[in-house]
Structure formats: C-alpha cells, structure tokens
Amino acid sequence: MPTLHYGQPRYRVIAAELRKRIENGVIPPGTLLPTEGTLTAEFRASRGTIRKAIAVLREDGLASTAHGRGTYAHANPRFHESGQRGDLEIRQREVTADEELATLFGVEVGEILIEHESVTRRDMQVEVVVRSYRLCQSRR
C-alpha cells in the first residue's frame, strides 16, 4: 500500500500512484488497469474513491474506459505548444496470431488475439502509435 499524503483527497493519492505506475511502465500503455475490485482491496478504499481516481486519469489522458471491457492505460499525453493535448484515437479489434505473435503467446498460428492500438496525433500528424495484444477472453 502506498504511503498516504496527508492533506490530499484519498482519490488524488490513488490517482497519483496509478499515474506513477503508468509513467514508469509498470502498467504499460495499451494494457488494462487492475479491476475496481482489485484496486479497492489494494488501496483499502471504497469503489467510489477508486472510480474518482480513475476519472482523474481519464481527464489527464492517461486512461480510457471501454464499456464492458475495462480501463486501458495510455502513454503520457503529448501537449501542443499552446498547452492543449494532441488528439488520441483508440482502436480495438480481433486479429489472428501470425508466427511471431503465436510464439510470444504460446498459442497456435491463427489463434484469435485482441489488438489494442492508440494513435496520438499533433497538428494532424501521427506522433505516437502504441499496439498491444492479449489473448481473447473467449478462447482462454
């Protein structure tokens, strides 16, 4: 459990810890954050407090929530000269494992994987593309 920072609301302390994990790569971009249940147990906080912490991450561009799928981490958002964030586009789709992915995941070639792609643009130019893969839930 992280050290508490007195004088800050609890949800901000939790958001700061999750931000640190995302920025340090403990939670890599494109991967799911731990579930609300896992976070409530880890931080010994209510579900509402966890939801507020995740909302802070979403507002800061470090996470996005896909209904029914969970909350995904994003790379630290880029800022324009004016201080505004670049555009972030998120896509998710099913793909079949090629030889390289099949070897990495220890599955057969052709197995279904979920590809999560985050594209950051600034001034209409692609700046960062992050792709991550995971096993399809229905295939486990």
N, C-alpha and C. Protein backbone atom coordinates (compact mmCIF):
# COMPACT_ATOMS: atom_id res chain seq x y z
N MET A 1 0.86 -1.18 0.00
CA MET A 1 0.00 0.00 0.00
C MET A 1 0.90 1.24 0.00
N PRO A 2 0.63 2.20 -0.88
CA PRO A 2 1.45 3.41 -0.95
C PRO A 2 1.32 4.25 0.32
N THR A 3 2.33 5.06 0.56
CA THR A 3 2.30 5.99 1.69
C THR A 3 1.25 7.04 1.44
N LEU A 4 0.44 7.32 2.44
CA LEU A 4 -0.60 8.34 2.30
C LEU A 4 0.01 9.73 2.35
N HIS A 5 -0.55 10.63 1.56
CA HIS A 5 -0.12 12.03 1.54
C HIS A 5 -1.18 12.84 2.25
N TYR A 6 -0.87 13.26 3.47
CA TYR A 6 -1.85 13.98 4.26
C TYR A 6 -2.19 15.31 3.61
N GLY A 7 -3.48 15.68 3.70
CA GLY A 7 -3.92 16.94 3.14
C GLY A 7 -4.47 16.82 1.73
N GLN A 8 -4.25 15.68 1.07
CA GLN A 8 -4.81 15.45 -0.26
C GLN A 8 -5.98 14.50 -0.15
N PRO A 9 -7.00 14.70 -1.00
CA PRO A 9 -8.10 13.73 -1.01
C PRO A 9 -7.55 12.34 -1.37
N ARG A 10 -8.14 11.32 -0.81
CA ARG A 10 -7.68 9.95 -1.00
C ARG A 10 -7.64 9.56 -2.47
N TYR A 11 -8.68 9.96 -3.24
CA TYR A 11 -8.72 9.58 -4.65
C TYR A 11 -7.55 10.19 -5.42
N ARG A 12 -7.08 11.38 -5.01
CA ARG A 12 -5.92 12.00 -5.68
C ARG A 12 -4.63 11.25 -5.37
N VAL A 13 -4.51 10.74 -4.15
CA VAL A 13 -3.34 9.96 -3.77
C VAL A 13 -3.30 8.67 -4.60
N ILE A 14 -4.46 8.04 -4.74
CA ILE A 14 -4.54 6.79 -5.52
C ILE A 14 -4.27 7.09 -6.99
N ALA A 15 -4.84 8.17 -7.52
CA ALA A 15 -4.59 8.55 -8.91
C ALA A 15 -3.10 8.82 -9.14
N ALA A 16 -2.44 9.46 -8.18
CA ALA A 16 -1.01 9.75 -8.32
C ALA A 16 -0.19 8.46 -8.36
N GLU A 17 -0.57 7.50 -7.55
CA GLU A 17 0.14 6.21 -7.55
C GLU A 17 -0.07 5.48 -8.88
N LEU A 18 -1.29 5.47 -9.39
CA LEU A 18 -1.57 4.81 -10.67
C LEU A 18 -0.86 5.54 -11.81
N ARG A 19 -0.84 6.88 -11.74
CA ARG A 19 -0.12 7.68 -12.74
C ARG A 19 1.37 7.28 -12.76
N LYS A 20 1.95 7.15 -11.58
CA LYS A 20 3.36 6.78 -11.47
C LYS A 20 3.60 5.40 -12.11
N ARG A 21 2.70 4.47 -11.87
CA ARG A 21 2.84 3.12 -12.44
C ARG A 21 2.74 3.15 -13.96
N ILE A 22 1.85 3.98 -14.49
CA ILE A 22 1.71 4.10 -15.95
C ILE A 22 2.96 4.75 -16.54
N GLU A 23 3.39 5.85 -15.95
CA GLU A 23 4.55 6.58 -16.47
C GLU A 23 5.84 5.78 -16.35
N ASN A 24 5.96 4.91 -15.34
CA ASN A 24 7.15 4.09 -15.16
C ASN A 24 7.09 2.77 -15.92
N GLY A 25 5.96 2.51 -16.59
CA GLY A 25 5.83 1.29 -17.37
C GLY A 25 5.43 0.07 -16.58
N VAL A 26 5.13 0.22 -15.30
CA VAL A 26 4.64 -0.90 -14.51
C VAL A 26 3.29 -1.35 -15.08
N ILE A 27 2.48 -0.37 -15.48
CA ILE A 27 1.26 -0.63 -16.24
C ILE A 27 1.54 -0.07 -17.63
N PRO A 28 1.91 -0.92 -18.59
CA PRO A 28 2.29 -0.43 -19.92
C PRO A 28 1.11 0.16 -20.68
N PRO A 29 1.36 1.13 -21.56
CA PRO A 29 0.30 1.69 -22.40
C PRO A 29 -0.40 0.59 -23.19
N GLY A 30 -1.70 0.70 -23.27
CA GLY A 30 -2.49 -0.27 -24.02
C GLY A 30 -2.97 -1.46 -23.21
N THR A 31 -2.50 -1.57 -21.97
CA THR A 31 -2.94 -2.69 -21.14
C THR A 31 -4.04 -2.25 -20.19
N LEU A 32 -4.77 -3.22 -19.70
CA LEU A 32 -5.85 -2.94 -18.76
C LEU A 32 -5.29 -2.57 -17.39
N LEU A 33 -5.92 -1.57 -16.76
CA LEU A 33 -5.62 -1.29 -15.37
C LEU A 33 -6.22 -2.42 -14.54
N PRO A 34 -5.75 -2.62 -13.33
CA PRO A 34 -6.39 -3.62 -12.46
C PRO A 34 -7.87 -3.28 -12.30
N THR A 35 -8.68 -4.28 -12.02
CA THR A 35 -10.12 -4.07 -11.86
C THR A 35 -10.41 -3.20 -10.64
N GLU A 36 -11.61 -2.64 -10.60
CA GLU A 36 -12.00 -1.84 -9.43
C GLU A 36 -11.90 -2.66 -8.16
N GLY A 37 -12.32 -3.91 -8.23
CA GLY A 37 -12.26 -4.78 -7.06
C GLY A 37 -10.84 -4.99 -6.56
N THR A 38 -9.92 -5.18 -7.50
CA THR A 38 -8.50 -5.35 -7.13
C THR A 38 -7.96 -4.07 -6.50
N LEU A 39 -8.31 -2.92 -7.09
CA LEU A 39 -7.82 -1.64 -6.57
C LEU A 39 -8.44 -1.31 -5.21
N THR A 40 -9.72 -1.64 -5.02
CA THR A 40 -10.33 -1.38 -3.70
C THR A 40 -9.63 -2.19 -2.62
N ALA A 41 -9.26 -3.43 -2.94
CA ALA A 41 -8.56 -4.26 -1.96
C ALA A 41 -7.14 -3.74 -1.71
N GLU A 42 -6.42 -3.39 -2.79
CA GLU A 42 -5.05 -2.92 -2.64
C GLU A 42 -4.96 -1.63 -1.83
N PHE A 43 -5.83 -0.67 -2.16
CA PHE A 43 -5.76 0.65 -1.51
C PHE A 43 -6.67 0.76 -0.30
N ARG A 44 -7.43 -0.31 -0.03
CA ARG A 44 -8.38 -0.29 1.09
C ARG A 44 -9.27 0.95 1.01
N ALA A 45 -9.87 1.12 -0.17
CA ALA A 45 -10.71 2.29 -0.43
C ALA A 45 -12.05 1.81 -0.99
N SER A 46 -13.03 2.69 -0.93
CA SER A 46 -14.34 2.35 -1.49
C SER A 46 -14.29 2.36 -3.02
N ARG A 47 -15.26 1.71 -3.62
CA ARG A 47 -15.35 1.68 -5.07
C ARG A 47 -15.53 3.09 -5.63
N GLY A 48 -16.27 3.94 -4.94
CA GLY A 48 -16.46 5.32 -5.38
C GLY A 48 -15.15 6.10 -5.41
N THR A 49 -14.30 5.87 -4.41
CA THR A 49 -12.99 6.53 -4.36
C THR A 49 -12.13 6.07 -5.52
N ILE A 50 -12.16 4.78 -5.82
CA ILE A 50 -11.39 4.23 -6.94
C ILE A 50 -11.90 4.81 -8.25
N ARG A 51 -13.21 4.90 -8.38
CA ARG A 51 -13.79 5.47 -9.61
C ARG A 51 -13.37 6.92 -9.81
N LYS A 52 -13.31 7.69 -8.72
CA LYS A 52 -12.87 9.08 -8.83
C LYS A 52 -11.40 9.15 -9.25
N ALA A 53 -10.58 8.25 -8.72
CA ALA A 53 -9.16 8.22 -9.09
C ALA A 53 -9.00 7.90 -10.57
N ILE A 54 -9.76 6.94 -11.06
CA ILE A 54 -9.70 6.58 -12.48
C ILE A 54 -10.22 7.73 -13.34
N ALA A 55 -11.22 8.44 -12.87
CA ALA A 55 -11.73 9.61 -13.60
C ALA A 55 -10.64 10.67 -13.77
N VAL A 56 -9.81 10.85 -12.74
CA VAL A 56 -8.69 11.80 -12.83
C VAL A 56 -7.73 11.35 -13.93
N LEU A 57 -7.42 10.06 -13.99
CA LEU A 57 -6.53 9.55 -15.03
C LEU A 57 -7.13 9.77 -16.42
N ARG A 58 -8.44 9.55 -16.56
CA ARG A 58 -9.10 9.79 -17.85
C ARG A 58 -9.02 11.26 -18.24
N GLU A 59 -9.29 12.14 -17.29
CA GLU A 59 -9.24 13.58 -17.55
C GLU A 59 -7.84 14.02 -17.98
N ASP A 60 -6.82 13.37 -17.44
CA ASP A 60 -5.43 13.70 -17.76
C ASP A 60 -4.93 12.99 -19.01
N GLY A 61 -5.79 12.18 -19.64
CA GLY A 61 -5.40 11.49 -20.86
C GLY A 61 -4.53 10.27 -20.65
N LEU A 62 -4.47 9.77 -19.42
CA LEU A 62 -3.64 8.61 -19.13
C LEU A 62 -4.41 7.30 -19.15
N ALA A 63 -5.72 7.37 -19.34
CA ALA A 63 -6.54 6.17 -19.36
C ALA A 63 -7.83 6.43 -20.11
N SER A 64 -8.42 5.37 -20.62
CA SER A 64 -9.75 5.45 -21.21
C SER A 64 -10.50 4.18 -20.84
N THR A 65 -11.80 4.30 -20.67
CA THR A 65 -12.61 3.18 -20.27
C THR A 65 -13.49 2.75 -21.44
N ALA A 66 -13.45 1.47 -21.75
CA ALA A 66 -14.32 0.89 -22.78
C ALA A 66 -15.40 0.12 -22.05
N HIS A 67 -16.65 0.51 -22.24
CA HIS A 67 -17.78 -0.10 -21.53
C HIS A 67 -17.75 -1.62 -21.69
N GLY A 68 -17.79 -2.32 -20.58
CA GLY A 68 -17.80 -3.77 -20.58
C GLY A 68 -16.45 -4.42 -20.79
N ARG A 69 -15.40 -3.62 -21.02
CA ARG A 69 -14.08 -4.19 -21.27
C ARG A 69 -13.06 -3.80 -20.22
N GLY A 70 -13.19 -2.63 -19.64
CA GLY A 70 -12.25 -2.20 -18.62
C GLY A 70 -11.60 -0.87 -18.97
N THR A 71 -10.62 -0.49 -18.18
CA THR A 71 -9.92 0.77 -18.35
C THR A 71 -8.50 0.50 -18.81
N TYR A 72 -8.12 1.14 -19.91
CA TYR A 72 -6.81 0.95 -20.53
C TYR A 72 -5.88 2.12 -20.21
N ALA A 73 -4.62 1.80 -19.99
CA ALA A 73 -3.60 2.82 -19.76
C ALA A 73 -3.14 3.39 -21.09
N HIS A 74 -2.74 4.66 -21.09
CA HIS A 74 -2.19 5.32 -22.27
C HIS A 74 -0.83 5.91 -21.92
N ALA A 75 -0.02 6.10 -22.96
CA ALA A 75 1.26 6.78 -22.78
C ALA A 75 0.97 8.18 -22.28
N ASN A 76 1.94 8.78 -21.63
CA ASN A 76 1.79 10.15 -21.16
C ASN A 76 1.36 11.04 -22.31
N PRO A 77 0.26 11.78 -22.17
CA PRO A 77 -0.23 12.58 -23.28
C PRO A 77 0.76 13.66 -23.69
N ARG A 78 0.80 13.93 -24.99
CA ARG A 78 1.65 14.98 -25.54
C ARG A 78 0.89 16.29 -25.53
N PHE A 79 1.58 17.39 -25.42
CA PHE A 79 0.94 18.69 -25.38
C PHE A 79 1.40 19.54 -26.55
N HIS A 80 0.46 20.33 -27.09
CA HIS A 80 0.79 21.31 -28.12
C HIS A 80 1.56 22.45 -27.48
N GLU A 81 2.17 23.30 -28.29
CA GLU A 81 2.85 24.50 -27.78
C GLU A 81 1.88 25.32 -26.94
N SER A 82 0.61 25.36 -27.35
CA SER A 82 -0.39 26.15 -26.64
C SER A 82 -0.79 25.52 -25.32
N GLY A 83 -0.34 24.28 -25.07
CA GLY A 83 -0.67 23.60 -23.82
C GLY A 83 -1.82 22.62 -23.97
N GLN A 84 -2.42 22.51 -25.16
CA GLN A 84 -3.51 21.56 -25.35
C GLN A 84 -2.95 20.21 -25.78
N ARG A 85 -3.62 19.17 -25.39
CA ARG A 85 -3.20 17.82 -25.75
C ARG A 85 -3.39 17.56 -27.23
N GLY A 86 -2.59 16.64 -27.75
CA GLY A 86 -2.81 16.16 -29.10
C GLY A 86 -4.02 15.25 -29.12
N ASP A 87 -4.51 14.91 -30.30
CA ASP A 87 -5.66 14.03 -30.42
C ASP A 87 -5.24 12.60 -30.17
N LEU A 88 -6.07 11.86 -29.44
CA LEU A 88 -5.80 10.47 -29.14
C LEU A 88 -6.92 9.63 -29.75
N GLU A 89 -6.55 8.66 -30.55
CA GLU A 89 -7.50 7.76 -31.19
C GLU A 89 -7.21 6.36 -30.69
N ILE A 90 -8.25 5.65 -30.27
CA ILE A 90 -8.08 4.32 -29.72
C ILE A 90 -8.92 3.34 -30.54
N ARG A 91 -8.29 2.24 -30.92
CA ARG A 91 -8.99 1.20 -31.67
C ARG A 91 -8.70 -0.14 -31.04
N GLN A 92 -9.68 -1.02 -31.15
CA GLN A 92 -9.50 -2.37 -30.66
C GLN A 92 -10.15 -3.31 -31.67
N ARG A 93 -9.46 -4.41 -31.99
CA ARG A 93 -10.02 -5.35 -32.96
C ARG A 93 -9.44 -6.74 -32.71
N GLU A 94 -10.14 -7.74 -33.26
CA GLU A 94 -9.65 -9.10 -33.20
C GLU A 94 -8.72 -9.33 -34.38
N VAL A 95 -7.60 -10.00 -34.13
CA VAL A 95 -6.65 -10.35 -35.18
C VAL A 95 -6.25 -11.81 -34.98
N THR A 96 -5.75 -12.42 -36.05
CA THR A 96 -5.24 -13.78 -35.91
C THR A 96 -3.74 -13.72 -35.69
N ALA A 97 -3.26 -14.59 -34.85
CA ALA A 97 -1.84 -14.61 -34.49
C ALA A 97 -1.01 -15.10 -35.67
N ASP A 98 -0.02 -14.28 -36.06
CA ASP A 98 0.95 -14.73 -37.05
C ASP A 98 1.99 -15.57 -36.30
N GLU A 99 3.03 -16.01 -36.99
CA GLU A 99 4.02 -16.88 -36.38
C GLU A 99 4.70 -16.22 -35.17
N GLU A 100 5.05 -14.95 -35.31
CA GLU A 100 5.74 -14.24 -34.22
C GLU A 100 4.85 -14.11 -32.99
N LEU A 101 3.60 -13.65 -33.19
CA LEU A 101 2.69 -13.49 -32.05
C LEU A 101 2.34 -14.85 -31.43
N ALA A 102 2.16 -15.86 -32.26
CA ALA A 102 1.85 -17.19 -31.75
C ALA A 102 2.98 -17.69 -30.85
N THR A 103 4.21 -17.45 -31.26
CA THR A 103 5.37 -17.86 -30.45
C THR A 103 5.40 -17.10 -29.13
N LEU A 104 5.18 -15.79 -29.19
CA LEU A 104 5.20 -14.97 -27.97
C LEU A 104 4.14 -15.40 -26.97
N PHE A 105 2.93 -15.70 -27.48
CA PHE A 105 1.82 -16.06 -26.59
C PHE A 105 1.74 -17.55 -26.30
N GLY A 106 2.53 -18.35 -27.02
CA GLY A 106 2.49 -19.79 -26.80
C GLY A 106 1.19 -20.41 -27.29
N VAL A 107 0.68 -19.92 -28.42
CA VAL A 107 -0.56 -20.42 -29.00
C VAL A 107 -0.31 -20.87 -30.43
N GLU A 108 -1.30 -21.43 -31.06
CA GLU A 108 -1.20 -21.86 -32.45
C GLU A 108 -1.32 -20.65 -33.38
N VAL A 109 -0.64 -20.72 -34.55
CA VAL A 109 -0.82 -19.70 -35.58
C VAL A 109 -2.29 -19.69 -35.96
N GLY A 110 -2.87 -18.52 -36.07
CA GLY A 110 -4.29 -18.39 -36.40
C GLY A 110 -5.19 -18.20 -35.20
N GLU A 111 -4.65 -18.37 -33.99
CA GLU A 111 -5.43 -18.14 -32.76
C GLU A 111 -5.88 -16.68 -32.74
N ILE A 112 -7.07 -16.42 -32.18
CA ILE A 112 -7.60 -15.06 -32.13
C ILE A 112 -6.99 -14.31 -30.95
N LEU A 113 -6.47 -13.10 -31.23
CA LEU A 113 -5.94 -12.18 -30.22
C LEU A 113 -6.70 -10.87 -30.32
N ILE A 114 -6.64 -10.08 -29.28
CA ILE A 114 -7.20 -8.73 -29.29
C ILE A 114 -6.04 -7.75 -29.45
N GLU A 115 -6.12 -6.92 -30.48
CA GLU A 115 -5.12 -5.88 -30.71
C GLU A 115 -5.70 -4.55 -30.23
N HIS A 116 -4.97 -3.86 -29.38
CA HIS A 116 -5.37 -2.55 -28.88
C HIS A 116 -4.36 -1.54 -29.43
N GLU A 117 -4.85 -0.54 -30.12
CA GLU A 117 -3.96 0.44 -30.75
C GLU A 117 -4.35 1.85 -30.31
N SER A 118 -3.36 2.60 -29.87
CA SER A 118 -3.53 4.01 -29.51
C SER A 118 -2.68 4.84 -30.46
N VAL A 119 -3.31 5.82 -31.11
CA VAL A 119 -2.60 6.70 -32.04
C VAL A 119 -2.73 8.12 -31.52
N THR A 120 -1.59 8.78 -31.30
CA THR A 120 -1.58 10.18 -30.87
C THR A 120 -1.16 11.03 -32.05
N ARG A 121 -1.96 12.06 -32.33
CA ARG A 121 -1.65 12.99 -33.42
C ARG A 121 -1.49 14.39 -32.85
N ARG A 122 -0.60 15.14 -33.47
CA ARG A 122 -0.45 16.56 -33.14
C ARG A 122 -0.40 17.29 -34.47
N ASP A 123 -1.25 18.30 -34.59
CA ASP A 123 -1.34 19.07 -35.84
C ASP A 123 -1.57 18.14 -37.03
N MET A 124 -2.46 17.15 -36.85
CA MET A 124 -2.86 16.21 -37.90
C MET A 124 -1.75 15.24 -38.31
N GLN A 125 -0.62 15.24 -37.63
CA GLN A 125 0.49 14.33 -37.94
C GLN A 125 0.57 13.26 -36.84
N VAL A 126 0.76 12.01 -37.25
CA VAL A 126 0.90 10.93 -36.28
C VAL A 126 2.20 11.13 -35.52
N GLU A 127 2.09 11.11 -34.20
CA GLU A 127 3.24 11.32 -33.34
C GLU A 127 3.67 10.02 -32.66
N VAL A 128 2.69 9.25 -32.16
CA VAL A 128 2.98 8.01 -31.45
C VAL A 128 1.93 6.97 -31.79
N VAL A 129 2.36 5.73 -32.03
CA VAL A 129 1.46 4.60 -32.20
C VAL A 129 1.90 3.52 -31.21
N VAL A 130 0.96 3.06 -30.38
CA VAL A 130 1.25 2.01 -29.42
C VAL A 130 0.27 0.87 -29.68
N ARG A 131 0.80 -0.32 -29.94
CA ARG A 131 -0.03 -1.50 -30.14
C ARG A 131 0.30 -2.53 -29.07
N SER A 132 -0.74 -3.10 -28.51
CA SER A 132 -0.55 -4.20 -27.57
C SER A 132 -1.53 -5.31 -27.93
N TYR A 133 -1.21 -6.52 -27.51
CA TYR A 133 -2.03 -7.68 -27.83
C TYR A 133 -2.31 -8.45 -26.56
N ARG A 134 -3.47 -9.11 -26.55
CA ARG A 134 -3.80 -10.01 -25.44
C ARG A 134 -4.63 -11.16 -25.98
N LEU A 135 -4.65 -12.25 -25.23
CA LEU A 135 -5.45 -13.39 -25.64
C LEU A 135 -6.93 -13.03 -25.57
N CYS A 136 -7.69 -13.54 -26.48
CA CYS A 136 -9.13 -13.32 -26.50
C CYS A 136 -9.74 -14.03 -25.31
N GLN A 137 -10.58 -13.35 -24.52
CA GLN A 137 -11.17 -13.92 -23.32
C GLN A 137 -11.94 -15.21 -23.61
N SER A 138 -12.67 -15.24 -24.73
CA SER A 138 -13.50 -16.40 -25.04
C SER A 138 -12.67 -17.63 -25.39
N ARG A 139 -11.36 -17.45 -25.66
CA ARG A 139 -10.51 -18.57 -26.05
C ARG A 139 -9.73 -19.16 -24.89
N ARG A 140 -9.75 -18.50 -23.73
CA ARG A 140 -8.95 -18.98 -22.59
C ARG A 140 -9.53 -20.19 -21.95
